[in-house]
Amino acid sequence: MCVSYALTAQLPLLVQKKELFHSDNDVDISMIKEIITTHQISLQANFNARFENFPVDSLGWIRNPFHFNINEIKLGNLKISEELIDLSSDENLRIRFQENASQVSH
């Protein structure tokens, strides 16, 4: 993932208002950007380490709730299973999920 894209995507207000913010305050925008970028890199490394051995076979539906076999999932709760089926059947959500997933992977 491109860090500058992540910064723009996650903090659009900072990016949009940086000129106004900079002109009203004696702040080094590049320093703030560096701090945020370093923090995002740290968060990404932490996230990758925590989910390195993610059990895709049994919990893959968490990563992609639109691509799973309901018969292979043991949720232990009929209501939750029904909600997951409803979620996975929502075409508008599926499209939004795919759009967001493609943006994150760039």
PDB file of N, CA and C in Angstrom:
ATOM      1  N   MET A   1       0.849  -1.178   0.000  1.00  0.00           N
ATOM      2  CA  MET A   1       0.000   0.000   0.000  1.00  0.00           C
ATOM      3  C   MET A   1       0.890   1.235   0.000  1.00  0.00           C
ATOM      4  N   CYS A   2       0.539   2.175  -0.805  1.00  0.00           N
ATOM      5  CA  CYS A   2       1.288   3.422  -0.912  1.00  0.00           C
ATOM      6  C   CYS A   2       0.958   4.307   0.286  1.00  0.00           C
ATOM      7  N   VAL A   3       1.967   4.705   1.036  1.00  0.00           N
ATOM      8  CA  VAL A   3       1.742   5.477   2.252  1.00  0.00           C
ATOM      9  C   VAL A   3       1.138   6.839   1.947  1.00  0.00           C
ATOM     10  N   SER A   4       1.588   7.502   0.875  1.00  0.00           N
ATOM     11  CA  SER A   4       1.021   8.811   0.568  1.00  0.00           C
ATOM     12  C   SER A   4      -0.453   8.694   0.207  1.00  0.00           C
ATOM     13  N   TYR A   5      -0.835   7.587  -0.480  1.00  0.00           N
ATOM     14  CA  TYR A   5      -2.253   7.370  -0.764  1.00  0.00           C
ATOM     15  C   TYR A   5      -3.009   7.142   0.539  1.00  0.00           C
ATOM     16  N   ALA A   6      -2.426   6.353   1.436  1.00  0.00           N
ATOM     17  CA  ALA A   6      -3.075   6.075   2.719  1.00  0.00           C
ATOM     18  C   ALA A   6      -3.266   7.363   3.504  1.00  0.00           C
ATOM     19  N   LEU A   7      -2.276   8.223   3.477  1.00  0.00           N
ATOM     20  CA  LEU A   7      -2.390   9.495   4.176  1.00  0.00           C
ATOM     21  C   LEU A   7      -3.518  10.329   3.589  1.00  0.00           C
ATOM     22  N   THR A   8      -3.582  10.387   2.276  1.00  0.00           N
ATOM     23  CA  THR A   8      -4.634  11.147   1.611  1.00  0.00           C
ATOM     24  C   THR A   8      -6.001  10.535   1.885  1.00  0.00           C
ATOM     25  N   ALA A   9      -6.099   9.220   1.830  1.00  0.00           N
ATOM     26  CA  ALA A   9      -7.380   8.541   2.018  1.00  0.00           C
ATOM     27  C   ALA A   9      -7.874   8.631   3.458  1.00  0.00           C
ATOM     28  N   GLN A  10      -6.971   8.500   4.415  1.00  0.00           N
ATOM     29  CA  GLN A  10      -7.375   8.462   5.814  1.00  0.00           C
ATOM     30  C   GLN A  10      -7.491   9.848   6.445  1.00  0.00           C
ATOM     31  N   LEU A  11      -6.760  10.805   5.918  1.00  0.00           N
ATOM     32  CA  LEU A  11      -6.773  12.149   6.496  1.00  0.00           C
ATOM     33  C   LEU A  11      -7.038  13.204   5.428  1.00  0.00           C
ATOM     34  N   PRO A  12      -8.145  13.090   4.711  1.00  0.00           N
ATOM     35  CA  PRO A  12      -8.386  14.024   3.617  1.00  0.00           C
ATOM     36  C   PRO A  12      -8.517  15.473   4.074  1.00  0.00           C
ATOM     37  N   LEU A  13      -9.047  15.681   5.249  1.00  0.00           N
ATOM     38  CA  LEU A  13      -9.208  17.051   5.741  1.00  0.00           C
ATOM     39  C   LEU A  13      -7.848  17.717   5.941  1.00  0.00           C
ATOM     40  N   LEU A  14      -6.894  16.968   6.480  1.00  0.00           N
ATOM     41  CA  LEU A  14      -5.552  17.522   6.652  1.00  0.00           C
ATOM     42  C   LEU A  14      -4.940  17.883   5.306  1.00  0.00           C
ATOM     43  N   VAL A  15      -5.105  17.003   4.341  1.00  0.00           N
ATOM     44  CA  VAL A  15      -4.531  17.245   3.021  1.00  0.00           C
ATOM     45  C   VAL A  15      -5.227  18.424   2.348  1.00  0.00           C
ATOM     46  N   GLN A  16      -6.555  18.500   2.445  1.00  0.00           N
ATOM     47  CA  GLN A  16      -7.308  19.574   1.797  1.00  0.00           C
ATOM     48  C   GLN A  16      -7.044  20.923   2.455  1.00  0.00           C
ATOM     49  N   LYS A  17      -6.881  20.944   3.730  1.00  0.00           N
ATOM     50  CA  LYS A  17      -6.777  22.199   4.475  1.00  0.00           C
ATOM     51  C   LYS A  17      -5.351  22.557   4.859  1.00  0.00           C
ATOM     52  N   LYS A  18      -4.366  21.839   4.338  1.00  0.00           N
ATOM     53  CA  LYS A  18      -2.995  22.070   4.792  1.00  0.00           C
ATOM     54  C   LYS A  18      -2.515  23.488   4.508  1.00  0.00           C
ATOM     55  N   GLU A  19      -2.898  24.057   3.369  1.00  0.00           N
ATOM     56  CA  GLU A  19      -2.456  25.418   3.058  1.00  0.00           C
ATOM     57  C   GLU A  19      -3.071  26.417   4.027  1.00  0.00           C
ATOM     58  N   LEU A  20      -4.356  26.290   4.294  1.00  0.00           N
ATOM     59  CA  LEU A  20      -5.033  27.177   5.238  1.00  0.00           C
ATOM     60  C   LEU A  20      -4.446  27.002   6.631  1.00  0.00           C
ATOM     61  N   PHE A  21      -4.268  25.750   7.032  1.00  0.00           N
ATOM     62  CA  PHE A  21      -3.713  25.442   8.350  1.00  0.00           C
ATOM     63  C   PHE A  21      -2.307  26.018   8.477  1.00  0.00           C
ATOM     64  N   HIS A  22      -1.515  25.832   7.447  1.00  0.00           N
ATOM     65  CA  HIS A  22      -0.127  26.282   7.474  1.00  0.00           C
ATOM     66  C   HIS A  22      -0.038  27.811   7.515  1.00  0.00           C
ATOM     67  N   SER A  23      -0.906  28.473   6.804  1.00  0.00           N
ATOM     68  CA  SER A  23      -0.839  29.931   6.775  1.00  0.00           C
ATOM     69  C   SER A  23      -1.310  30.554   8.091  1.00  0.00           C
ATOM     70  N   ASP A  24      -2.213  29.882   8.807  1.00  0.00           N
ATOM     71  CA  ASP A  24      -2.722  30.410  10.072  1.00  0.00           C
ATOM     72  C   ASP A  24      -1.857  30.038  11.271  1.00  0.00           C
ATOM     73  N   ASN A  25      -1.014  29.047  11.109  1.00  0.00           N
ATOM     74  CA  ASN A  25      -0.214  28.546  12.228  1.00  0.00           C
ATOM     75  C   ASN A  25       1.235  28.379  11.794  1.00  0.00           C
ATOM     76  N   ASP A  26       2.101  28.523  12.731  1.00  0.00           N
ATOM     77  CA  ASP A  26       3.520  28.332  12.446  1.00  0.00           C
ATOM     78  C   ASP A  26       3.855  26.853  12.676  1.00  0.00           C
ATOM     79  N   VAL A  27       3.422  26.005  11.728  1.00  0.00           N
ATOM     80  CA  VAL A  27       3.580  24.559  11.853  1.00  0.00           C
ATOM     81  C   VAL A  27       4.256  24.024  10.614  1.00  0.00           C
ATOM     82  N   ASP A  28       5.152  23.085  10.818  1.00  0.00           N
ATOM     83  CA  ASP A  28       5.842  22.440   9.711  1.00  0.00           C
ATOM     84  C   ASP A  28       5.002  21.242   9.251  1.00  0.00           C
ATOM     85  N   ILE A  29       4.283  21.405   8.146  1.00  0.00           N
ATOM     86  CA  ILE A  29       3.401  20.354   7.623  1.00  0.00           C
ATOM     87  C   ILE A  29       4.191  19.089   7.308  1.00  0.00           C
ATOM     88  N   SER A  30       5.396  19.229   6.799  1.00  0.00           N
ATOM     89  CA  SER A  30       6.185  18.037   6.463  1.00  0.00           C
ATOM     90  C   SER A  30       6.507  17.229   7.711  1.00  0.00           C
ATOM     91  N   MET A  31       6.714  17.905   8.844  1.00  0.00           N
ATOM     92  CA  MET A  31       6.964  17.193  10.091  1.00  0.00           C
ATOM     93  C   MET A  31       5.719  16.416  10.523  1.00  0.00           C
ATOM     94  N   ILE A  32       4.559  17.050  10.422  1.00  0.00           N
ATOM     95  CA  ILE A  32       3.302  16.374  10.781  1.00  0.00           C
ATOM     96  C   ILE A  32       3.074  15.183   9.859  1.00  0.00           C
ATOM     97  N   LYS A  33       3.307  15.370   8.573  1.00  0.00           N
ATOM     98  CA  LYS A  33       3.143  14.289   7.605  1.00  0.00           C
ATOM     99  C   LYS A  33       4.084  13.132   7.934  1.00  0.00           C
ATOM    100  N   GLU A  34       5.325  13.443   8.307  1.00  0.00           N
ATOM    101  CA  GLU A  34       6.288  12.400   8.652  1.00  0.00           C
ATOM    102  C   GLU A  34       5.851  11.629   9.888  1.00  0.00           C
ATOM    103  N   ILE A  35       5.345  12.327  10.896  1.00  0.00           N
ATOM    104  CA  ILE A  35       4.867  11.676  12.116  1.00  0.00           C
ATOM    105  C   ILE A  35       3.701  10.748  11.800  1.00  0.00           C
ATOM    106  N   ILE A  36       2.759  11.227  11.023  1.00  0.00           N
ATOM    107  CA  ILE A  36       1.586  10.425  10.673  1.00  0.00           C
ATOM    108  C   ILE A  36       1.999   9.226   9.820  1.00  0.00           C
ATOM    109  N   THR A  37       2.880   9.442   8.862  1.00  0.00           N
ATOM    110  CA  THR A  37       3.346   8.362   7.998  1.00  0.00           C
ATOM    111  C   THR A  37       4.064   7.293   8.810  1.00  0.00           C
ATOM    112  N   THR A  38       4.934   7.712   9.724  1.00  0.00           N
ATOM    113  CA  THR A  38       5.652   6.763  10.586  1.00  0.00           C
ATOM    114  C   THR A  38       4.661   5.972  11.428  1.00  0.00           C
ATOM    115  N   HIS A  39       3.660   6.647  11.947  1.00  0.00           N
ATOM    116  CA  HIS A  39       2.645   5.970  12.758  1.00  0.00           C
ATOM    117  C   HIS A  39       1.866   4.957  11.916  1.00  0.00           C
ATOM    118  N   GLN A  40       1.492   5.324  10.703  1.00  0.00           N
ATOM    119  CA  GLN A  40       0.764   4.401   9.837  1.00  0.00           C
ATOM    120  C   GLN A  40       1.605   3.179   9.495  1.00  0.00           C
ATOM    121  N   ILE A  41       2.870   3.371   9.237  1.00  0.00           N
ATOM    122  CA  ILE A  41       3.764   2.243   8.937  1.00  0.00           C
ATOM    123  C   ILE A  41       3.846   1.324  10.154  1.00  0.00           C
ATOM    124  N   SER A  42       3.940   1.904  11.333  1.00  0.00           N
ATOM    125  CA  SER A  42       3.980   1.120  12.565  1.00  0.00           C
ATOM    126  C   SER A  42       2.680   0.339  12.760  1.00  0.00           C
ATOM    127  N   LEU A  43       1.547   0.993  12.520  1.00  0.00           N
ATOM    128  CA  LEU A  43       0.257   0.314  12.635  1.00  0.00           C
ATOM    129  C   LEU A  43       0.139  -0.839  11.648  1.00  0.00           C
ATOM    130  N   GLN A  44       0.587  -0.617  10.409  1.00  0.00           N
ATOM    131  CA  GLN A  44       0.523  -1.662   9.403  1.00  0.00           C
ATOM    132  C   GLN A  44       1.408  -2.847   9.786  1.00  0.00           C
ATOM    133  N   ALA A  45       2.596  -2.591  10.282  1.00  0.00           N
ATOM    134  CA  ALA A  45       3.492  -3.673  10.705  1.00  0.00           C
ATOM    135  C   ALA A  45       2.888  -4.445  11.870  1.00  0.00           C
ATOM    136  N   ASN A  46       2.291  -3.728  12.821  1.00  0.00           N
ATOM    137  CA  ASN A  46       1.651  -4.372  13.960  1.00  0.00           C
ATOM    138  C   ASN A  46       0.480  -5.229  13.499  1.00  0.00           C
ATOM    139  N   PHE A  47      -0.332  -4.694  12.616  1.00  0.00           N
ATOM    140  CA  PHE A  47      -1.488  -5.425  12.097  1.00  0.00           C
ATOM    141  C   PHE A  47      -1.032  -6.680  11.359  1.00  0.00           C
ATOM    142  N   ASN A  48      -0.019  -6.543  10.501  1.00  0.00           N
ATOM    143  CA  ASN A  48       0.493  -7.699   9.757  1.00  0.00           C
ATOM    144  C   ASN A  48       1.036  -8.773  10.685  1.00  0.00           C
ATOM    145  N   ALA A  49       1.720  -8.368  11.754  1.00  0.00           N
ATOM    146  CA  ALA A  49       2.260  -9.337  12.708  1.00  0.00           C
ATOM    147  C   ALA A  49       1.142 -10.054  13.464  1.00  0.00           C
ATOM    148  N   ARG A  50       0.127  -9.321  13.849  1.00  0.00           N
ATOM    149  CA  ARG A  50      -0.982  -9.922  14.604  1.00  0.00           C
ATOM    150  C   ARG A  50      -1.777 -10.932  13.777  1.00  0.00           C
ATOM    151  N   PHE A  51      -1.908 -10.661  12.486  1.00  0.00           N
ATOM    152  CA  PHE A  51      -2.746 -11.511  11.643  1.00  0.00           C
ATOM    153  C   PHE A  51      -1.939 -12.332  10.645  1.00  0.00           C
ATOM    154  N   GLU A  52      -0.671 -12.543  10.954  1.00  0.00           N
ATOM    155  CA  GLU A  52       0.200 -13.309  10.059  1.00  0.00           C
ATOM    156  C   GLU A  52      -0.311 -14.736   9.869  1.00  0.00           C
ATOM    157  N   ASN A  53      -0.763 -15.354  10.932  1.00  0.00           N
ATOM    158  CA  ASN A  53      -1.250 -16.732  10.876  1.00  0.00           C
ATOM    159  C   ASN A  53      -2.773 -16.784  10.948  1.00  0.00           C
ATOM    160  N   PHE A  54      -3.410 -15.907  10.233  1.00  0.00           N
ATOM    161  CA  PHE A  54      -4.868 -15.818  10.238  1.00  0.00           C
ATOM    162  C   PHE A  54      -5.474 -17.109   9.681  1.00  0.00           C
ATOM    163  N   PRO A  55      -6.384 -17.746  10.410  1.00  0.00           N
ATOM    164  CA  PRO A  55      -6.979 -19.013   9.952  1.00  0.00           C
ATOM    165  C   PRO A  55      -8.011 -18.796   8.841  1.00  0.00           C
ATOM    166  N   VAL A  56      -7.536 -18.694   7.615  1.00  0.00           N
ATOM    167  CA  VAL A  56      -8.403 -18.386   6.476  1.00  0.00           C
ATOM    168  C   VAL A  56      -9.492 -19.435   6.298  1.00  0.00           C
ATOM    169  N   ASP A  57      -9.171 -20.703   6.555  1.00  0.00           N
ATOM    170  CA  ASP A  57     -10.161 -21.767   6.348  1.00  0.00           C
ATOM    171  C   ASP A  57     -11.409 -21.580   7.197  1.00  0.00           C
ATOM    172  N   SER A  58     -11.227 -21.201   8.456  1.00  0.00           N
ATOM    173  CA  SER A  58     -12.395 -21.078   9.330  1.00  0.00           C
ATOM    174  C   SER A  58     -12.891 -19.650   9.508  1.00  0.00           C
ATOM    175  N   LEU A  59     -12.029 -18.655   9.255  1.00  0.00           N
ATOM    176  CA  LEU A  59     -12.427 -17.261   9.485  1.00  0.00           C
ATOM    177  C   LEU A  59     -12.248 -16.374   8.262  1.00  0.00           C
ATOM    178  N   GLY A  60     -12.080 -16.964   7.098  1.00  0.00           N
ATOM    179  CA  GLY A  60     -11.907 -16.188   5.878  1.00  0.00           C
ATOM    180  C   GLY A  60     -13.074 -15.274   5.578  1.00  0.00           C
ATOM    181  N   TRP A  61     -14.254 -15.629   6.068  1.00  0.00           N
ATOM    182  CA  TRP A  61     -15.443 -14.806   5.834  1.00  0.00           C
ATOM    183  C   TRP A  61     -15.307 -13.433   6.494  1.00  0.00           C
ATOM    184  N   ILE A  62     -14.426 -13.314   7.480  1.00  0.00           N
ATOM    185  CA  ILE A  62     -14.218 -12.013   8.124  1.00  0.00           C
ATOM    186  C   ILE A  62     -13.496 -11.076   7.159  1.00  0.00           C
ATOM    187  N   ARG A  63     -12.519 -11.609   6.437  1.00  0.00           N
ATOM    188  CA  ARG A  63     -11.799 -10.797   5.457  1.00  0.00           C
ATOM    189  C   ARG A  63     -12.671 -10.451   4.265  1.00  0.00           C
ATOM    190  N   ASN A  64     -13.487 -11.397   3.843  1.00  0.00           N
ATOM    191  CA  ASN A  64     -14.364 -11.164   2.693  1.00  0.00           C
ATOM    192  C   ASN A  64     -15.712 -11.831   2.954  1.00  0.00           C
ATOM    193  N   PRO A  65     -16.673 -11.081   3.468  1.00  0.00           N
ATOM    194  CA  PRO A  65     -17.976 -11.662   3.793  1.00  0.00           C
ATOM    195  C   PRO A  65     -18.824 -11.986   2.562  1.00  0.00           C
ATOM    196  N   PHE A  66     -18.259 -11.785   1.372  1.00  0.00           N
ATOM    197  CA  PHE A  66     -18.996 -12.060   0.145  1.00  0.00           C
ATOM    198  C   PHE A  66     -18.478 -13.299  -0.565  1.00  0.00           C
ATOM    199  N   HIS A  67     -17.492 -13.944   0.024  1.00  0.00           N
ATOM    200  CA  HIS A  67     -16.910 -15.125  -0.603  1.00  0.00           C
ATOM    201  C   HIS A  67     -16.661 -16.189   0.473  1.00  0.00           C
ATOM    202  N   PHE A  68     -17.673 -17.012   0.717  1.00  0.00           N
ATOM    203  CA  PHE A  68     -17.543 -18.073   1.710  1.00  0.00           C
ATOM    204  C   PHE A  68     -18.630 -19.111   1.464  1.00  0.00           C
ATOM    205  N   ASN A  69     -18.463 -20.255   2.088  1.00  0.00           N
ATOM    206  CA  ASN A  69     -19.465 -21.317   2.046  1.00  0.00           C
ATOM    207  C   ASN A  69     -20.092 -21.398   3.429  1.00  0.00           C
ATOM    208  N   ILE A  70     -21.345 -21.039   3.552  1.00  0.00           N
ATOM    209  CA  ILE A  70     -22.023 -20.987   4.854  1.00  0.00           C
ATOM    210  C   ILE A  70     -22.004 -22.335   5.563  1.00  0.00           C
ATOM    211  N   ASN A  71     -21.951 -23.425   4.790  1.00  0.00           N
ATOM    212  CA  ASN A  71     -21.944 -24.757   5.402  1.00  0.00           C
ATOM    213  C   ASN A  71     -20.612 -25.082   6.079  1.00  0.00           C
ATOM    214  N   GLU A  72     -19.567 -24.355   5.745  1.00  0.00           N
ATOM    215  CA  GLU A  72     -18.252 -24.588   6.337  1.00  0.00           C
ATOM    216  C   GLU A  72     -17.981 -23.705   7.554  1.00  0.00           C
ATOM    217  N   ILE A  73     -18.894 -22.791   7.829  1.00  0.00           N
ATOM    218  CA  ILE A  73     -18.710 -21.854   8.942  1.00  0.00           C
ATOM    219  C   ILE A  73     -19.511 -22.340  10.143  1.00  0.00           C
ATOM    220  N   LYS A  74     -18.855 -22.397  11.283  1.00  0.00           N
ATOM    221  CA  LYS A  74     -19.511 -22.815  12.516  1.00  0.00           C
ATOM    222  C   LYS A  74     -19.631 -21.612  13.447  1.00  0.00           C
ATOM    223  N   LEU A  75     -20.693 -20.860  13.271  1.00  0.00           N
ATOM    224  CA  LEU A  75     -20.900 -19.664  14.087  1.00  0.00           C
ATOM    225  C   LEU A  75     -21.603 -19.996  15.399  1.00  0.00           C
ATOM    226  N   GLY A  76     -22.331 -21.112  15.435  1.00  0.00           N
ATOM    227  CA  GLY A  76     -22.988 -21.522  16.664  1.00  0.00           C
ATOM    228  C   GLY A  76     -24.214 -20.703  17.024  1.00  0.00           C
ATOM    229  N   ASN A  77     -24.646 -19.839  16.129  1.00  0.00           N
ATOM    230  CA  ASN A  77     -25.783 -18.985  16.422  1.00  0.00           C
ATOM    231  C   ASN A  77     -26.552 -18.766  15.127  1.00  0.00           C
ATOM    232  N   LEU A  78     -27.803 -19.200  15.102  1.00  0.00           N
ATOM    233  CA  LEU A  78     -28.618 -19.114  13.898  1.00  0.00           C
ATOM    234  C   LEU A  78     -28.835 -17.666  13.471  1.00  0.00           C
ATOM    235  N   LYS A  79     -29.075 -16.773  14.427  1.00  0.00           N
ATOM    236  CA  LYS A  79     -29.311 -15.364  14.092  1.00  0.00           C
ATOM    237  C   LYS A  79     -28.080 -14.743  13.412  1.00  0.00           C
ATOM    238  N   ILE A  80     -26.902 -15.026  13.939  1.00  0.00           N
ATOM    239  CA  ILE A  80     -25.679 -14.496  13.335  1.00  0.00           C
ATOM    240  C   ILE A  80     -25.489 -15.079  11.943  1.00  0.00           C
ATOM    241  N   SER A  81     -25.762 -16.374  11.782  1.00  0.00           N
ATOM    242  CA  SER A  81     -25.646 -17.009  10.463  1.00  0.00           C
ATOM    243  C   SER A  81     -26.594 -16.358   9.464  1.00  0.00           C
ATOM    244  N   GLU A  82     -27.825 -16.087   9.891  1.00  0.00           N
ATOM    245  CA  GLU A  82     -28.800 -15.440   9.013  1.00  0.00           C
ATOM    246  C   GLU A  82     -28.348 -14.024   8.641  1.00  0.00           C
ATOM    247  N   GLU A  83     -27.794 -13.301   9.599  1.00  0.00           N
ATOM    248  CA  GLU A  83     -27.311 -11.941   9.325  1.00  0.00           C
ATOM    249  C   GLU A  83     -26.142 -11.967   8.347  1.00  0.00           C
ATOM    250  N   LEU A  84     -25.264 -12.959   8.478  1.00  0.00           N
ATOM    251  CA  LEU A  84     -24.141 -13.089   7.555  1.00  0.00           C
ATOM    252  C   LEU A  84     -24.641 -13.413   6.147  1.00  0.00           C
ATOM    253  N   ILE A  85     -25.642 -14.249   6.045  1.00  0.00           N
ATOM    254  CA  ILE A  85     -26.231 -14.575   4.737  1.00  0.00           C
ATOM    255  C   ILE A  85     -26.857 -13.320   4.136  1.00  0.00           C
ATOM    256  N   ASP A  86     -27.594 -12.562   4.942  1.00  0.00           N
ATOM    257  CA  ASP A  86     -28.198 -11.313   4.457  1.00  0.00           C
ATOM    258  C   ASP A  86     -27.126 -10.340   3.984  1.00  0.00           C
ATOM    259  N   LEU A  87     -26.071 -10.193   4.776  1.00  0.00           N
ATOM    260  CA  LEU A  87     -24.979  -9.299   4.409  1.00  0.00           C
ATOM    261  C   LEU A  87     -24.344  -9.732   3.091  1.00  0.00           C
ATOM    262  N   SER A  88     -24.059 -11.007   2.972  1.00  0.00           N
ATOM    263  CA  SER A  88     -23.359 -11.502   1.775  1.00  0.00           C
ATOM    264  C   SER A  88     -24.242 -11.451   0.531  1.00  0.00           C
ATOM    265  N   SER A  89     -25.544 -11.309   0.718  1.00  0.00           N
ATOM    266  CA  SER A  89     -26.472 -11.242  -0.408  1.00  0.00           C
ATOM    267  C   SER A  89     -26.736  -9.812  -0.881  1.00  0.00           C
ATOM    268  N   ASP A  90     -26.225  -8.838  -0.163  1.00  0.00           N
ATOM    269  CA  ASP A  90     -26.467  -7.438  -0.492  1.00  0.00           C
ATOM    270  C   ASP A  90     -25.503  -7.001  -1.606  1.00  0.00           C
ATOM    271  N   GLU A  91     -26.029  -6.847  -2.806  1.00  0.00           N
ATOM    272  CA  GLU A  91     -25.213  -6.528  -3.972  1.00  0.00           C
ATOM    273  C   GLU A  91     -24.549  -5.150  -3.863  1.00  0.00           C
ATOM    274  N   ASN A  92     -25.248  -4.163  -3.302  1.00  0.00           N
ATOM    275  CA  ASN A  92     -24.666  -2.829  -3.145  1.00  0.00           C
ATOM    276  C   ASN A  92     -23.464  -2.854  -2.203  1.00  0.00           C
ATOM    277  N   LEU A  93     -23.584  -3.592  -1.101  1.00  0.00           N
ATOM    278  CA  LEU A  93     -22.462  -3.708  -0.173  1.00  0.00           C
ATOM    279  C   LEU A  93     -21.291  -4.448  -0.810  1.00  0.00           C
ATOM    280  N   ARG A  94     -21.586  -5.473  -1.597  1.00  0.00           N
ATOM    281  CA  ARG A  94     -20.528  -6.235  -2.272  1.00  0.00           C
ATOM    282  C   ARG A  94     -19.724  -5.325  -3.202  1.00  0.00           C
ATOM    283  N   ILE A  95     -20.430  -4.487  -3.950  1.00  0.00           N
ATOM    284  CA  ILE A  95     -19.761  -3.567  -4.876  1.00  0.00           C
ATOM    285  C   ILE A  95     -18.898  -2.579  -4.104  1.00  0.00           C
ATOM    286  N   ARG A  96     -19.428  -2.007  -3.034  1.00  0.00           N
ATOM    287  CA  ARG A  96     -18.655  -1.063  -2.210  1.00  0.00           C
ATOM    288  C   ARG A  96     -17.439  -1.740  -1.593  1.00  0.00           C
ATOM    289  N   PHE A  97     -17.625  -2.981  -1.141  1.00  0.00           N
ATOM    290  CA  PHE A  97     -16.516  -3.739  -0.559  1.00  0.00           C
ATOM    291  C   PHE A  97     -15.414  -3.937  -1.591  1.00  0.00           C
ATOM    292  N   GLN A  98     -15.776  -4.320  -2.804  1.00  0.00           N
ATOM    293  CA  GLN A  98     -14.788  -4.547  -3.861  1.00  0.00           C
ATOM    294  C   GLN A  98     -14.071  -3.242  -4.233  1.00  0.00           C
ATOM    295  N   GLU A  99     -14.814  -2.143  -4.288  1.00  0.00           N
ATOM    296  CA  GLU A  99     -14.196  -0.856  -4.606  1.00  0.00           C
ATOM    297  C   GLU A  99     -13.186  -0.461  -3.519  1.00  0.00           C
ATOM    298  N   ASN A 100     -13.568  -0.614  -2.260  1.00  0.00           N
ATOM    299  CA  ASN A 100     -12.669  -0.266  -1.169  1.00  0.00           C
ATOM    300  C   ASN A 100     -11.467  -1.195  -1.121  1.00  0.00           C
ATOM    301  N   ALA A 101     -11.686  -2.474  -1.378  1.00  0.00           N
ATOM    302  CA  ALA A 101     -10.576  -3.432  -1.365  1.00  0.00           C
ATOM    303  C   ALA A 101      -9.582  -3.117  -2.468  1.00  0.00           C
ATOM    304  N   SER A 102     -10.070  -2.700  -3.625  1.00  0.00           N
ATOM    305  CA  SER A 102      -9.153  -2.381  -4.722  1.00  0.00           C
ATOM    306  C   SER A 102      -8.376  -1.097  -4.427  1.00  0.00           C
ATOM    307  N   GLN A 103      -8.975  -0.135  -3.718  1.00  0.00           N
ATOM    308  CA  GLN A 103      -8.282   1.096  -3.354  1.00  0.00           C
ATOM    309  C   GLN A 103      -7.172   0.814  -2.345  1.00  0.00           C
ATOM    310  N   VAL A 104      -7.433  -0.061  -1.399  1.00  0.00           N
ATOM    311  CA  VAL A 104      -6.452  -0.388  -0.357  1.00  0.00           C
ATOM    312  C   VAL A 104      -5.266  -1.116  -0.961  1.00  0.00           C
ATOM    313  N   SER A 105      -5.498  -1.945  -1.971  1.00  0.00           N
ATOM    314  CA  SER A 105      -4.408  -2.745  -2.529  1.00  0.00           C
ATOM    315  C   SER A 105      -3.497  -1.945  -3.455  1.00  0.00           C
ATOM    316  N   HIS A 106      -3.870  -0.717  -3.787  1.00  0.00           N
ATOM    317  CA  HIS A 106      -3.015   0.115  -4.668  1.00  0.00           C
ATOM    318  C   HIS A 106      -1.897   0.746  -3.913  1.00  0.00           C
TER     319      HIS A 106
END
